[in-house]
Structures are given as C-alpha cells and as structure tokens.
Amino acid sequence: MISLKQLNYAIAVDKQRHFKRAAEECAVSQSALSTAIAELESQLGLQIFERNNKQVLVTVQGMRVLAKAREVVAGVKDLYRLSEQEQAPLSLPLSLGVIPTIGPYLLPQALPWVREQHPNSQITIIEEQSAVLVDKVRNGELDTAILALPYPIEGLHAFEFWAEDFYLVTHKADALAGKTRVAGKQLRDTRLLLLKDGHCLKDHALSACRLPASETDQA
C-alpha cells in the first residue's frame, strides 16, 4: 500500500533534487528516505528518479507520478481543513507567503493584532517573489500568500483586501515636483528607478505609467 509518507518524500526529492537535502527537509535519515522511495518505485513498477553521484533527475513517468502525488497530498490537506470550521480561528498552523514589497509594511501592523487576538496562533512566514509563492501555494507548500494584483494565478482563488495609490518621488528641482497628478506621457523622457525583474511592483509601475520596460532603468 502506497503511503502518504512516501508521496511526501518523493515530492521533497523532486523539490530539492538531492536526497540528503530532501531527508533534512523531511526530518528523517537519508537511508530511511531512500528506502521509502525505492519501495514506492517498486510498488508502482516504475522508476521515478534517476540518480548518480552528481545529480537527481525525474523520469517522464516520474513527472506524471509526482503530479498525481501532489494532488493526493493536497486532497488529504483539504480533508484536515474540514475540521477547521469547527475550531477557533487560527488555532491550527498556518503557512503564509508574502512578497518583499508588502511584508515589511503590512506584517508589523497585522501580526501584533493577531498575537493579541489569537495568542495560540502558529503562523510561519515565507518572504519570496510572486512566482515562487504562487508555485508553493499550488504545490501545497503554502496555505496562502499575499501578492500585489494583477498577477497570473490560474486555478487559485484570490480575495482583494487592500488598494493603494502610486506616488512619484522626484528631486525638488524636477519639473514634476509638487504636482498632485502626473500623466504617464509626462514620464516618457524621465529616467525611472525601479525594482529589478521578478518584482511585480516594477510591472505594475510600468503598466500604470504606460511605459515599456525598454525605456526604463532598473535598480
């Protein structure tokens, strides 16, 4: 009988592409993890991983097995969540992802209130870029994540809870200084300081100003 433990081990190996690191993530010995993976492959009658002294590769059949394994693990988590409706809010562990452009500003305000209202809460915070967080939510590694919308999240639910304005910060001698509103076309000949690629705030700023990335400098 295939066990949930075996599936979790296989998912960890796929994530780490390294048996020792996967064992450390699962808090088991490397031999125990390797044995569990070997038993899983034997039970399925196929090879999930190809490994040597240098790397771990996933076979074509293994990719299909891992995709189904993630569905099974996510389904089991959903079963456990059914009981949450009968328990106090935040009484169970919660893993929360947040992007760097939001975390330092939102969390210092929100977490003290959470601790006061729910002193037994167990919240694990992961700070990463949007693409990483969305993948982790899809794979079941995170329960939820806080992003800046719009962002492609096909297959996931999104709930808007905050909106904010964009502000243009300029030198006091700049021609745009002191203006209450600035049109995107007024920035065409302006050098902008932006976050590097991968940060959604950069894309949002360019979209709001109607500027292509080729016309900007990034920081």
Protein backbone atom coordinates (compact mmCIF):
# COMPACT_ATOMS: atom_id res chain seq x y z
CA MET A 1 0.00 0.00 0.00
CA ILE A 2 1.38 3.38 -1.02
CA SER A 3 1.65 5.70 1.98
CA LEU A 4 1.29 9.44 2.29
CA LYS A 5 4.79 9.49 3.79
CA GLN A 6 6.24 8.01 0.62
CA LEU A 7 4.49 10.62 -1.51
CA ASN A 8 5.77 13.45 0.69
CA TYR A 9 9.30 12.08 0.46
CA ALA A 10 9.08 11.88 -3.33
CA ILE A 11 7.80 15.45 -3.53
CA ALA A 12 10.67 16.62 -1.32
CA VAL A 13 13.25 14.87 -3.54
CA ASP A 14 11.71 16.48 -6.61
CA LYS A 15 11.89 19.88 -4.93
CA GLN A 16 15.47 19.54 -3.67
CA ARG A 17 16.84 17.30 -6.46
CA HIS A 18 19.08 15.95 -3.75
CA PHE A 19 18.38 13.02 -1.42
CA LYS A 20 20.32 14.35 1.56
CA ARG A 21 18.64 17.77 1.47
CA ALA A 22 15.24 16.14 0.96
CA ALA A 23 15.86 13.94 4.03
CA GLU A 24 16.79 17.02 6.07
CA GLU A 25 13.61 18.77 4.95
CA CYS A 26 11.53 15.75 5.99
CA ALA A 27 13.49 15.33 9.26
CA VAL A 28 14.44 11.71 8.54
CA SER A 29 17.68 9.91 7.80
CA GLN A 30 18.81 9.72 4.19
CA SER A 31 18.70 5.93 4.29
CA ALA A 32 15.09 5.94 5.52
CA LEU A 33 14.06 8.33 2.76
CA SER A 34 15.93 6.37 0.07
CA THR A 35 14.32 3.12 1.25
CA ALA A 36 10.85 4.68 1.17
CA ILE A 37 11.41 5.99 -2.38
CA ALA A 38 12.71 2.61 -3.53
CA GLU A 39 9.64 0.88 -2.05
CA LEU A 40 7.35 3.40 -3.77
CA GLU A 41 9.03 2.77 -7.13
CA SER A 42 8.76 -0.99 -6.55
CA GLN A 43 5.07 -0.76 -5.67
CA LEU A 44 4.38 1.31 -8.78
CA GLY A 45 6.58 -0.82 -11.00
CA LEU A 46 8.39 2.18 -12.48
CA GLN A 47 11.33 4.46 -11.82
CA ILE A 48 10.56 7.95 -10.59
CA PHE A 49 14.11 9.24 -10.19
CA GLU A 50 17.38 8.62 -11.98
CA ARG A 51 20.28 9.33 -9.68
CA ASN A 52 24.05 9.16 -9.63
CA ASN A 53 26.77 10.74 -7.52
CA LYS A 54 26.23 14.16 -9.12
CA GLN A 55 22.53 14.75 -9.70
CA VAL A 56 18.95 13.54 -9.40
CA LEU A 57 16.73 13.56 -12.49
CA VAL A 58 12.99 12.90 -12.79
CA THR A 59 11.89 10.37 -15.41
CA VAL A 60 8.99 11.08 -17.76
CA GLN A 61 6.85 8.56 -15.86
CA GLY A 62 8.07 10.11 -12.62
CA MET A 63 6.77 13.52 -13.64
CA ARG A 64 3.27 12.08 -14.02
CA VAL A 65 3.54 10.27 -10.69
CA LEU A 66 4.70 13.42 -8.89
CA ALA A 67 1.90 15.49 -10.38
CA LYS A 68 -0.64 12.97 -9.10
CA ALA A 69 1.17 12.75 -5.75
CA ARG A 70 0.77 16.48 -5.25
CA GLU A 71 -2.95 16.18 -5.97
CA VAL A 72 -3.26 13.40 -3.39
CA VAL A 73 -1.31 15.31 -0.72
CA ALA A 74 -3.33 18.45 -1.37
CA GLY A 75 -6.55 16.43 -1.14
CA VAL A 76 -5.55 15.00 2.23
CA LYS A 77 -4.78 18.50 3.50
CA ASP A 78 -8.24 19.57 2.38
CA LEU A 79 -9.73 16.75 4.46
CA TYR A 80 -7.92 18.02 7.54
CA ARG A 81 -9.11 21.53 6.82
CA LEU A 82 -12.71 20.40 7.01
CA SER A 83 -12.33 20.23 10.77
CA GLU A 84 -11.05 23.80 10.95
CA GLN A 85 -14.57 25.12 10.55
CA GLU A 86 -15.40 23.71 13.98
CA GLN A 87 -12.30 25.17 15.67
CA ALA A 88 -11.31 28.63 16.76
CA PRO A 89 -9.77 30.87 14.07
CA LEU A 90 -6.01 30.38 13.61
CA SER A 91 -5.95 27.52 16.09
CA LEU A 92 -4.12 25.34 13.54
CA PRO A 93 -0.68 26.02 11.97
CA LEU A 94 -0.77 28.39 9.01
CA SER A 95 1.96 28.94 6.42
CA LEU A 96 1.76 32.39 4.85
CA GLY A 97 3.77 33.72 1.93
CA VAL A 98 4.29 37.43 1.33
CA ILE A 99 6.21 39.44 -1.26
CA PRO A 100 9.10 41.70 -0.11
CA THR A 101 7.36 44.90 -1.21
CA ILE A 102 4.44 44.23 1.13
CA GLY A 103 5.78 42.18 4.05
CA PRO A 104 7.87 44.87 5.82
CA TYR A 105 4.93 47.28 5.83
CA LEU A 106 1.90 45.05 6.44
CA LEU A 107 3.22 42.42 8.85
CA PRO A 108 4.48 44.78 11.61
CA GLN A 109 0.96 46.19 11.79
CA ALA A 110 -1.01 42.97 11.38
CA LEU A 111 0.97 40.42 13.42
CA PRO A 112 0.77 42.19 16.82
CA TRP A 113 -3.03 42.30 16.47
CA VAL A 114 -3.08 38.61 15.52
CA ARG A 115 -0.96 37.71 18.56
CA GLU A 116 -3.26 39.70 20.82
CA GLN A 117 -6.49 38.27 19.43
CA HIS A 118 -5.20 34.73 18.82
CA PRO A 119 -2.34 34.06 21.27
CA ASN A 120 -2.17 30.36 20.33
CA SER A 121 -1.79 31.01 16.61
CA GLN A 122 1.10 29.29 14.81
CA ILE A 123 1.97 31.28 11.69
CA THR A 124 5.02 30.58 9.55
CA ILE A 125 6.02 33.49 7.28
CA ILE A 126 7.82 32.94 3.97
CA GLU A 127 9.06 36.01 2.06
CA GLU A 128 9.60 35.42 -1.67
CA GLN A 129 8.81 36.82 -5.10
CA SER A 130 5.33 36.31 -6.51
CA ALA A 131 6.21 33.49 -8.94
CA VAL A 132 7.78 31.41 -6.16
CA LEU A 133 4.86 31.97 -3.79
CA VAL A 134 2.24 31.06 -6.39
CA ASP A 135 4.09 27.80 -7.16
CA LYS A 136 4.32 26.99 -3.45
CA VAL A 137 0.58 27.56 -2.97
CA ARG A 138 -0.20 25.37 -5.99
CA ASN A 139 2.10 22.61 -4.70
CA GLY A 140 0.62 22.75 -1.19
CA GLU A 141 3.83 24.05 0.42
CA LEU A 142 1.98 27.21 1.50
CA ASP A 143 -1.59 27.64 2.73
CA THR A 144 -1.94 31.12 1.28
CA ALA A 145 0.06 34.10 0.05
CA ILE A 146 -0.21 37.89 -0.09
CA LEU A 147 0.55 39.32 -3.53
CA ALA A 148 0.11 42.54 -5.44
CA LEU A 149 -2.57 42.11 -8.10
CA PRO A 150 -2.95 41.79 -11.00
CA TYR A 151 -0.85 38.64 -11.25
CA PRO A 152 -1.50 35.32 -13.09
CA ILE A 153 -2.86 32.84 -10.53
CA GLU A 154 -4.83 30.44 -12.73
CA GLY A 155 -6.55 27.73 -10.69
CA LEU A 156 -6.27 29.62 -7.39
CA HIS A 157 -8.73 31.82 -5.52
CA ALA A 158 -7.96 35.50 -4.94
CA PHE A 159 -9.55 37.92 -2.48
CA GLU A 160 -8.75 41.63 -2.66
CA PHE A 161 -8.39 43.27 0.76
CA TRP A 162 -6.39 46.44 0.11
CA ALA A 163 -5.78 49.09 -2.55
CA GLU A 164 -3.19 51.84 -2.66
CA ASP A 165 -2.05 54.69 -4.90
CA PHE A 166 1.22 55.03 -6.76
CA TYR A 167 3.40 58.00 -5.83
CA LEU A 168 6.12 59.56 -7.94
CA VAL A 169 9.15 60.65 -5.87
CA THR A 170 11.32 63.28 -7.55
CA HIS A 171 14.05 65.79 -6.73
CA LYS A 172 12.60 69.09 -5.57
CA ALA A 173 14.14 70.80 -8.61
CA ASP A 174 12.40 68.44 -11.05
CA ALA A 175 9.72 69.94 -13.29
CA LEU A 176 7.21 67.39 -11.95
CA ALA A 177 7.85 68.18 -8.28
CA GLY A 178 4.82 69.48 -6.40
CA LYS A 179 2.25 68.26 -8.92
CA THR A 180 -0.73 66.44 -7.43
CA ARG A 181 -1.24 64.34 -10.59
CA VAL A 182 1.23 63.16 -13.21
CA ALA A 183 0.22 61.61 -16.55
CA GLY A 184 2.14 58.67 -17.95
CA LYS A 185 3.15 60.62 -21.06
CA GLN A 186 4.91 63.15 -18.82
CA LEU A 187 7.36 60.40 -17.81
CA ARG A 188 8.39 59.46 -21.34
CA ASP A 189 11.66 61.39 -21.14
CA THR A 190 12.27 60.66 -17.44
CA ARG A 191 14.76 58.14 -16.08
CA LEU A 192 12.94 55.93 -13.57
CA LEU A 193 14.46 53.99 -10.69
CA LEU A 194 12.63 50.64 -10.49
CA LEU A 195 12.94 47.27 -8.81
CA LYS A 196 14.71 44.55 -10.76
CA ASP A 197 12.96 41.96 -12.93
CA GLY A 198 10.90 39.46 -10.95
CA HIS A 199 9.30 42.06 -8.67
CA CYS A 200 5.69 42.58 -9.69
CA LEU A 201 5.78 46.17 -8.41
CA LYS A 202 8.04 47.04 -11.34
CA ASP A 203 5.49 45.68 -13.82
CA HIS A 204 2.66 47.47 -12.02
CA ALA A 205 4.52 50.78 -12.09
CA LEU A 206 5.29 50.46 -15.80
CA SER A 207 1.70 49.49 -16.50
CA ALA A 208 0.32 52.45 -14.53
CA CYS A 209 2.65 54.83 -16.35
CA ARG A 210 2.04 53.10 -19.70
CA LEU A 211 5.77 52.70 -20.25
CA PRO A 212 7.59 49.76 -21.89
CA ALA A 213 10.45 48.20 -19.94
CA SER A 214 12.92 49.10 -22.70
CA GLU A 215 12.54 52.79 -21.88
CA THR A 216 13.46 52.48 -18.20
CA ASP A 217 16.48 51.90 -15.99
CA GLN A 218 16.15 49.40 -13.18
CA ALA A 219 17.73 49.18 -9.74
